[in-house]
Protein backbone atom coordinates (compact mmCIF):
# COMPACT_ATOMS: atom_id res chain seq x y z
CA MET A 1 46.21 117.86 59.34
CA THR A 2 44.31 120.89 61.46
CA VAL A 3 45.68 121.76 64.89
CA THR A 4 42.50 120.15 66.50
CA GLU A 5 43.12 116.84 64.45
CA THR A 6 46.53 116.96 65.87
CA ARG A 7 45.68 117.49 69.43
CA ALA A 8 43.26 114.91 69.17
CA LEU A 9 46.22 112.25 67.80
CA ARG A 10 48.53 113.23 70.57
CA THR A 11 45.90 112.42 73.26
CA SER A 12 45.05 109.14 71.58
CA LEU A 13 48.71 107.98 71.96
CA PRO A 14 49.87 105.94 75.11
CA PRO A 15 51.87 107.51 77.55
CA GLU A 16 55.55 106.92 76.87
CA GLU A 17 57.35 104.43 79.57
CA PRO A 18 60.43 105.44 81.07
CA SER A 19 63.41 103.99 80.10
CA ILE A 20 64.27 103.35 84.03
CA PRO A 21 62.02 101.85 85.98
CA GLN A 22 60.67 104.43 88.53
CA ARG A 23 60.56 104.19 92.13
CA GLY A 24 57.46 102.75 93.71
CA THR A 25 56.28 101.45 90.18
CA GLY A 26 59.11 99.20 88.96
CA ARG A 27 61.25 97.69 91.96
CA ALA A 28 61.36 94.27 90.40
CA GLY A 29 63.91 95.54 87.80
CA TYR A 30 66.41 96.71 89.96
CA TRP A 31 66.47 93.08 91.64
CA LEU A 32 66.80 91.55 88.34
CA TYR A 33 70.05 93.71 87.64
CA LEU A 34 71.19 92.60 90.94
CA LEU A 35 70.72 88.64 90.72
CA PRO A 36 74.10 87.87 88.48
CA GLY A 37 75.95 89.57 91.09
CA PHE A 38 74.01 88.08 94.06
CA ALA A 39 74.19 84.87 92.80
CA LEU A 40 78.18 85.14 92.02
CA LEU A 41 78.62 86.45 95.71
CA VAL A 42 76.99 83.27 97.31
CA VAL A 43 78.83 81.10 95.14
CA ILE A 44 82.33 82.57 95.19
CA ILE A 45 82.35 84.22 98.57
CA ILE A 46 79.72 83.07 101.06
CA VAL A 47 79.85 79.49 100.28
CA PRO A 48 83.21 78.74 100.48
CA LEU A 49 83.48 81.33 103.87
CA VAL A 50 80.98 79.28 105.59
CA TRP A 51 82.53 76.40 104.58
CA ASN A 52 85.84 77.33 105.71
CA LEU A 53 84.66 78.25 109.19
CA LEU A 54 82.78 74.84 109.64
CA LEU A 55 86.10 73.06 109.09
CA THR A 56 87.68 75.18 111.57
CA PHE A 57 85.72 72.70 114.28
CA THR A 58 86.65 69.46 112.58
CA ASP A 59 89.50 67.38 111.80
CA TRP A 60 89.73 66.46 108.11
CA ARG A 61 92.74 65.11 106.15
CA GLY A 62 90.76 66.02 102.78
CA VAL A 63 89.26 62.71 102.32
CA GLY A 64 86.24 60.91 104.04
CA THR A 65 83.84 62.44 106.41
CA PRO A 66 85.35 65.42 109.02
CA GLU A 67 85.34 64.82 112.31
CA PHE A 68 83.75 67.22 114.79
CA ILE A 69 86.30 68.50 117.67
CA GLY A 70 84.83 71.74 118.90
CA LEU A 71 87.33 74.05 119.55
CA GLU A 72 90.50 72.32 119.50
CA ASN A 73 91.82 73.84 116.47
CA TRP A 74 91.09 77.35 118.08
CA ALA A 75 93.04 76.22 121.13
CA ALA A 76 95.72 74.99 119.40
CA ILE A 77 96.25 77.90 117.41
CA LEU A 78 96.83 80.32 120.65
CA VAL A 79 99.87 78.08 121.57
CA ASP A 80 101.30 77.48 118.12
CA GLU A 81 104.62 79.51 117.70
CA ASP A 82 104.78 79.12 113.99
CA PHE A 83 101.37 80.90 113.95
CA TRP A 84 102.57 83.92 115.82
CA THR A 85 105.95 84.01 113.88
CA SER A 86 103.87 84.16 110.66
CA PHE A 87 101.75 86.82 111.71
CA ALA A 88 105.14 88.45 113.23
CA ASN A 89 106.34 88.59 109.87
CA SER A 90 103.39 90.04 108.37
CA VAL A 91 104.84 93.34 110.03
CA TRP A 92 108.15 92.92 107.58
CA MET A 93 105.36 92.34 104.68
CA VAL A 94 103.45 95.46 105.34
CA LEU A 95 106.52 97.26 105.79
CA ALA A 96 107.86 96.22 102.04
CA MET A 97 104.21 96.38 100.54
CA VAL A 98 102.68 99.39 102.17
CA VAL A 99 105.06 101.85 103.98
CA VAL A 100 107.73 101.61 101.43
CA PRO A 101 105.74 101.64 98.00
CA THR A 102 103.29 104.27 99.38
CA VAL A 103 106.05 106.66 100.56
CA VAL A 104 108.18 106.22 97.37
CA GLY A 105 105.38 106.32 95.14
CA LEU A 106 103.76 109.34 96.28
CA PHE A 107 107.04 111.26 95.70
CA VAL A 108 107.67 109.55 92.42
CA ALA A 109 104.14 110.40 91.35
CA ALA A 110 104.61 113.70 92.42
CA ALA A 111 108.11 114.11 90.66
CA LEU A 112 106.82 112.93 87.23
CA PHE A 113 103.89 115.12 87.35
CA ASP A 114 105.26 118.17 88.78
CA VAL A 115 108.69 118.12 87.46
CA ILE A 116 109.15 115.63 84.60
CA GLY A 117 105.74 116.11 83.13
CA ARG A 118 106.15 119.86 83.04
CA LYS A 119 109.80 119.93 81.54
CA PHE A 120 109.86 116.89 79.39
CA GLY A 121 106.23 116.63 78.50
CA GLY A 122 103.27 114.19 79.30
CA LYS A 123 104.58 111.34 76.99
CA VAL A 124 107.83 110.84 78.98
CA ALA A 125 106.20 110.74 82.36
CA SER A 126 103.49 108.31 81.27
CA PHE A 127 106.36 106.31 79.67
CA LEU A 128 108.34 106.34 82.96
CA ARG A 129 104.96 105.42 85.08
CA ALA A 130 104.37 102.30 82.52
CA THR A 131 107.73 101.32 83.30
CA TYR A 132 107.31 101.39 87.18
CA TYR A 133 104.19 99.35 86.86
CA LEU A 134 105.46 96.72 84.57
CA PRO A 135 106.43 94.56 87.85
CA GLN A 136 102.93 94.29 88.88
CA ILE A 137 101.71 92.72 85.72
CA LEU A 138 104.71 89.97 85.85
CA PRO A 139 103.49 86.45 86.87
CA ALA A 140 104.76 85.54 90.54
CA ALA A 141 106.40 82.48 88.70
CA VAL A 142 108.14 84.48 86.25
CA ALA A 143 109.41 87.20 88.83
CA GLY A 144 110.47 84.24 90.87
CA ILE A 145 112.70 82.56 88.33
CA VAL A 146 114.23 85.94 87.62
CA ILE A 147 115.30 86.69 91.19
CA GLY A 148 116.08 83.18 91.76
CA TRP A 149 118.66 83.17 88.84
CA ILE A 150 120.07 86.75 90.21
CA VAL A 151 120.41 85.51 94.17
CA ARG A 152 121.58 81.83 93.04
CA PRO A 153 123.99 80.32 95.71
CA GLY A 154 127.53 79.95 94.86
CA GLY A 155 129.34 81.21 92.00
CA ASP A 156 126.33 80.91 89.58
CA GLY A 157 124.52 83.45 90.79
CA ALA A 158 124.47 86.90 88.86
CA LEU A 159 124.57 88.93 92.18
CA ASN A 160 127.34 86.82 93.38
CA GLN A 161 129.51 86.80 90.42
CA VAL A 162 129.10 90.89 90.52
CA LEU A 163 130.56 90.69 94.03
CA GLY A 164 133.29 88.35 93.10
CA ILE A 165 134.70 91.23 90.86
CA VAL A 166 135.18 93.41 93.92
CA GLY A 167 136.71 90.09 95.90
CA ILE A 168 133.79 89.37 98.02
CA GLY A 169 133.02 85.42 98.40
CA PRO A 170 129.57 83.77 97.45
CA ILE A 171 126.69 84.54 99.73
CA ASP A 172 123.66 81.86 100.19
CA TRP A 173 121.13 84.51 100.14
CA LEU A 174 117.97 82.68 100.59
CA GLY A 175 119.64 80.01 102.90
CA GLN A 176 120.33 82.53 105.80
CA MET A 177 119.14 85.50 107.83
CA PRO A 178 118.32 88.27 107.40
CA SER A 179 119.72 88.03 103.84
CA ALA A 180 116.77 85.66 102.73
CA LEU A 181 114.13 88.34 104.50
CA ILE A 182 116.04 91.34 102.80
CA VAL A 183 115.78 89.75 99.29
CA LEU A 184 112.21 88.75 99.80
CA MET A 185 111.48 92.15 101.08
CA VAL A 186 113.21 93.83 97.93
CA VAL A 187 111.25 91.92 95.49
CA LEU A 188 107.85 92.73 97.40
CA VAL A 189 108.83 96.48 97.00
CA TRP A 190 109.98 95.98 93.82
CA VAL A 191 106.76 94.21 92.59
CA GLN A 192 104.51 96.66 94.46
CA ILE A 193 105.96 100.11 93.81
CA GLY A 194 104.00 100.67 90.34
CA TYR A 195 100.48 100.31 91.83
CA PRO A 196 100.53 103.51 94.10
CA VAL A 197 102.56 105.29 91.42
CA VAL A 198 99.86 104.64 88.84
CA VAL A 199 96.91 105.70 91.45
CA PHE A 200 98.74 108.90 92.35
CA MET A 201 99.46 109.98 88.95
CA ALA A 202 95.83 109.40 88.18
CA ALA A 203 94.46 111.35 91.27
CA LEU A 204 96.87 114.16 90.35
CA GLN A 205 95.34 114.76 86.93
CA ARG A 206 92.25 116.44 88.61
CA VAL A 207 95.03 119.03 90.27
CA ASP A 208 94.69 122.20 88.35
CA PRO A 209 98.31 123.03 87.28
CA GLU A 210 97.67 126.64 87.72
CA LEU A 211 97.63 126.05 91.67
CA TYR A 212 101.42 124.95 91.11
CA GLU A 213 102.47 127.84 89.01
CA ALA A 214 100.68 130.24 91.39
CA ALA A 215 102.49 128.67 94.21
CA GLU A 216 105.58 128.65 92.46
CA LEU A 217 105.49 132.46 91.62
CA ASP A 218 104.82 133.05 95.48
CA GLY A 219 108.09 131.52 95.99
CA ALA A 220 107.02 127.67 97.20
CA ASN A 221 109.68 125.31 96.77
CA TRP A 222 108.94 121.55 95.50
CA GLY A 223 108.34 120.42 99.10
CA GLN A 224 106.22 122.98 100.19
CA ARG A 225 104.04 122.41 97.15
CA PHE A 226 104.14 118.70 97.61
CA VAL A 227 102.91 119.36 101.14
CA ALA A 228 100.22 122.05 100.44
CA ILE A 229 98.86 120.90 97.11
CA THR A 230 99.52 117.15 96.56
CA MET A 231 99.11 115.78 99.91
CA SER A 232 95.87 117.43 100.60
CA ILE A 233 94.20 116.93 97.11
CA ILE A 234 94.97 113.23 96.67
CA ARG A 235 94.23 112.18 100.51
CA PRO A 236 91.41 110.05 99.57
CA GLU A 237 93.72 107.94 97.07
CA ILE A 238 96.13 107.75 99.63
CA PHE A 239 93.83 106.04 101.90
CA VAL A 240 92.76 103.64 99.38
CA VAL A 241 96.38 102.92 98.36
CA THR A 242 97.20 102.15 101.99
CA LEU A 243 94.33 100.08 102.74
CA THR A 244 94.37 97.70 99.63
CA CYS A 245 98.31 97.46 99.91
CA THR A 246 97.63 96.17 103.91
CA ILE A 247 95.32 93.69 102.61
CA ALA A 248 97.91 92.46 100.11
CA ALA A 249 100.60 92.28 102.47
CA LEU A 250 98.55 90.56 105.41
CA LYS A 251 97.56 87.80 102.58
CA VAL A 252 100.72 87.46 100.61
CA PHE A 253 101.42 84.08 99.08
CA GLY A 254 102.88 83.92 95.43
CA PRO A 255 106.38 85.64 96.44
CA VAL A 256 106.77 83.83 99.57
CA TYR A 257 106.04 80.50 97.75
CA VAL A 258 108.15 81.17 94.49
CA ILE A 259 111.37 82.61 96.40
CA THR A 260 111.65 81.33 99.98
CA ARG A 261 108.95 78.70 100.75
CA GLY A 262 108.61 80.44 104.21
CA GLY A 263 112.63 79.45 104.77
CA PRO A 264 115.22 79.42 106.12
CA ALA A 265 113.76 77.63 109.23
CA GLY A 266 110.07 79.36 109.03
CA SER A 267 111.93 83.02 109.33
CA THR A 268 109.93 84.18 106.37
CA LEU A 269 106.55 82.14 107.08
CA VAL A 270 103.53 84.29 106.47
CA PRO A 271 99.97 83.47 107.53
CA ALA A 272 98.70 82.55 103.77
CA TYR A 273 101.73 80.17 103.35
CA TYR A 274 101.21 78.51 106.54
CA ALA A 275 97.70 77.91 106.08
CA TYR A 276 98.58 76.49 102.49
CA GLN A 277 101.10 74.17 104.22
CA GLU A 278 98.63 72.96 106.55
CA PHE A 279 95.91 72.37 103.76
CA PHE A 280 98.14 70.89 101.18
CA THR A 281 101.10 69.74 102.74
CA LYS A 282 100.34 68.15 106.25
CA ARG A 283 96.70 67.39 105.15
CA ASP A 284 95.46 69.31 108.31
CA VAL A 285 92.43 70.98 106.28
CA GLY A 286 90.59 71.84 109.78
CA TYR A 287 93.97 73.40 111.19
CA GLY A 288 94.43 75.47 107.91
CA ALA A 289 90.87 76.30 107.72
CA THR A 290 91.33 77.95 111.10
CA ILE A 291 94.65 79.80 110.06
CA ALA A 292 92.68 81.12 107.15
CA THR A 293 89.70 82.32 109.10
CA VAL A 294 91.66 84.38 111.65
CA LEU A 295 93.56 85.96 108.50
CA THR A 296 90.06 86.89 107.40
CA ILE A 297 88.90 88.23 110.42
CA LEU A 298 92.12 90.42 110.62
CA VAL A 299 91.75 91.64 107.17
CA VAL A 300 88.11 92.76 108.10
CA ILE A 301 89.14 94.23 111.32
CA VAL A 302 91.79 96.13 109.35
CA SER A 303 89.37 97.48 106.69
CA ILE A 304 86.64 98.75 108.86
CA ILE A 305 89.57 100.43 110.94
CA PHE A 306 90.85 102.36 107.56
CA VAL A 307 87.36 103.15 106.44
CA ARG A 308 86.18 104.61 109.75
CA VAL A 309 89.56 107.05 110.06
CA GLN A 310 88.77 107.76 106.61
CA ASN A 311 85.33 108.66 107.44
CA SER A 312 86.43 110.51 110.32
CA LEU A 313 88.65 112.70 108.64
CA GLU A 314 86.24 113.70 105.63
CA ARG A 315 83.70 114.69 108.21
CA LYS A 316 86.30 116.92 110.06
CA GLU A 317 87.51 118.25 106.69
CA ARG A 318 83.77 119.06 105.63
CA ALA A 319 83.40 120.80 108.94
CA GLY A 320 86.40 122.87 108.69
CA LEU A 321 88.00 121.57 111.61
């Protein structure tokens, strides 16, 4: 085949179609990819959210036709002591699920990466990381059974039997304050601690080990390396962990339901469990929907504040301020 024939054959072939629709010529293809996710968003998120908001203006027992009552549920919630108590208890949940796990997880991840990993190898550090994360994959029911066996009242509980060895009488851990709140918070810390450790360990993988070695040669101790290198590099992950753990703390339900059921006398009541009680125990669906709506609004506000603060700090960092 001559050069002229080859050129003629190439010019006769149709132009190749791009594998990805180009801007301005195939925008319909983008929307086709978005349709499944949008349909799931409408069915799982938007429709239940709108239905829940409509229920806040009704008096409904879960059967029959909801009765429109205007803003009565919203007015009642303002003077409901249990409602305010449940949100006040969320402070303790934030302490147990955000503050303690984030701070401890940061130190544990830095120690595993900078000390354990360098002295004993990456396999040892990975094994320890997996052990910390193990409580995260346990179902709340299983964790509740284990904790219930440990803090069982009377002489049958494992913890009371240990205390009996040193002459301390049995304690009703879940039947009185502040021991019930302390037990719940300890369980939440135990369950939550693995999440920040795994995220921070993954973030530390992008840190150049030569930075630590150079800082060590310059005489920096572990604390100085932790502040100057670790904290500054994984700051975005710290924001992500703090935000996701705060949302989890505000809507915590499983451990409270399994361990204390809001008791004793509502001292460990949280908004999600209070809404569940109104929904399914008292069958006051409209009032339960109002509590759930307030909780949703609070989560949205907290998320917006976190994102704005993070964006502001990133802008200042890029500007060199």
